[in-house]
Protein backbone atom coordinates (compact mmCIF):
# COMPACT_ATOMS: atom_id res chain seq x y z
CA MET A 1 0.00 0.00 0.00
CA ASP A 2 2.89 2.32 0.64
CA GLN A 3 4.39 1.53 -2.76
CA SER A 4 5.25 4.63 -4.74
CA ILE A 5 3.74 4.94 -8.22
CA PHE A 6 3.74 7.79 -10.68
CA ALA A 7 0.73 9.62 -12.08
CA ALA A 8 0.46 10.65 -15.73
CA ASP A 9 1.93 14.05 -14.93
CA GLY A 10 5.02 12.43 -13.37
CA LYS A 11 4.17 13.29 -9.76
CA GLU A 12 4.80 10.63 -7.15
CA ILE A 13 1.74 9.18 -5.43
CA PHE A 14 1.23 6.13 -3.25
CA LEU A 15 -0.84 3.09 -4.14
CA LYS A 16 -3.11 3.61 -1.10
CA GLU A 17 -3.95 7.13 -2.34
CA ARG A 18 -4.93 5.79 -5.76
CA ILE A 19 -7.14 3.08 -4.25
CA ALA A 20 -8.79 5.64 -1.93
CA ASP A 21 -9.51 7.91 -4.91
CA GLU A 22 -11.13 5.06 -6.83
CA LYS A 23 -13.22 4.11 -3.79
CA ASN A 24 -14.35 7.73 -3.37
CA GLU A 25 -15.34 7.89 -7.04
CA GLU A 26 -17.40 4.71 -6.69
CA GLU A 27 -19.09 6.01 -3.54
CA GLU A 28 -19.80 9.33 -5.21
CA LEU A 29 -21.37 7.55 -8.19
CA LEU A 30 -23.54 5.42 -5.91
CA ASP A 31 -24.61 8.52 -3.98
CA LYS A 32 -25.60 10.26 -7.23
CA LEU A 33 -27.59 7.23 -8.39
CA LEU A 34 -29.39 7.02 -5.05
CA LEU A 35 -30.17 10.74 -5.11
CA GLU A 36 -31.50 10.47 -8.66
CA GLN A 37 -33.81 7.62 -7.64
CA LEU A 38 -34.98 9.47 -4.53
CA LEU A 39 -35.77 12.62 -6.51
CA LYS A 40 -37.95 10.57 -8.87
CA THR A 41 -40.17 9.67 -5.90
CA LEU A 42 -41.08 13.33 -5.28
CA ASP A 43 -44.02 15.14 -6.79
CA GLU A 44 -43.15 17.91 -9.26
CA ARG A 45 -43.43 20.83 -6.81
CA ASP A 46 -41.26 19.14 -4.19
CA LYS A 47 -38.68 18.10 -6.79
CA LYS A 48 -38.56 21.63 -8.19
CA LEU A 49 -38.09 23.07 -4.68
CA ILE A 50 -35.14 20.76 -3.97
CA LEU A 51 -33.57 21.35 -7.38
CA LEU A 52 -33.84 25.12 -6.98
CA ARG A 53 -32.46 25.11 -3.43
CA TYR A 54 -29.63 22.60 -3.76
CA PHE A 55 -28.69 22.47 -7.43
CA GLU A 56 -29.34 26.07 -8.45
CA ASN A 57 -28.39 27.53 -5.03
CA LYS A 58 -31.49 29.71 -4.78
CA THR A 59 -32.49 31.21 -1.46
CA GLN A 60 -35.76 30.27 0.19
CA THR A 61 -37.09 33.70 -0.74
CA GLN A 62 -36.17 33.21 -4.40
CA VAL A 63 -37.75 29.75 -4.42
CA ALA A 64 -40.89 31.18 -2.81
CA GLU A 65 -41.20 33.76 -5.60
CA ILE A 66 -40.70 31.13 -8.31
CA LEU A 67 -43.22 28.72 -6.78
CA GLY A 68 -45.70 31.43 -5.79
CA ILE A 69 -45.69 30.57 -2.08
CA SER A 70 -44.30 32.22 1.04
CA GLN A 71 -40.75 31.83 2.32
CA VAL A 72 -42.16 30.23 5.48
CA GLN A 73 -43.93 27.61 3.35
CA VAL A 74 -40.67 26.91 1.49
CA SER A 75 -38.88 26.42 4.81
CA ARG A 76 -41.52 24.00 6.10
CA LEU A 77 -41.74 22.08 2.83
CA GLU A 78 -37.97 21.84 2.56
CA LYS A 79 -37.66 20.35 6.04
CA LYS A 80 -40.48 17.88 5.33
CA ILE A 81 -39.02 16.83 1.97
CA LEU A 82 -35.50 16.36 3.35
CA ARG A 83 -36.82 14.29 6.26
CA CYS A 84 -38.80 12.14 3.82
CA LEU A 85 -35.77 11.65 1.54
CA LYS A 86 -33.60 10.72 4.50
CA GLU A 87 -36.12 8.09 5.62
CA ARG A 88 -36.33 6.64 2.10
CA ALA A 89 -32.55 6.49 1.80
């Protein structure tokens, strides 16, 4: 594991670092697949809320304006949706 190998750019790295990187990439892929499946379980409004908040980095106020609801409603819905997604995961 402590064996030195060289990357394409000629920099020295260790075998354990390369294996850790590959493991992280696999875990990241699995996380993305799980998230994609979980988002498919949401109704359109809830999915749009989550996409706006976490993928487009909109504020709750901005999301409220887009969805035509209050910021307080966005906050409550967001908490409910995240709790539901966590339980499903």
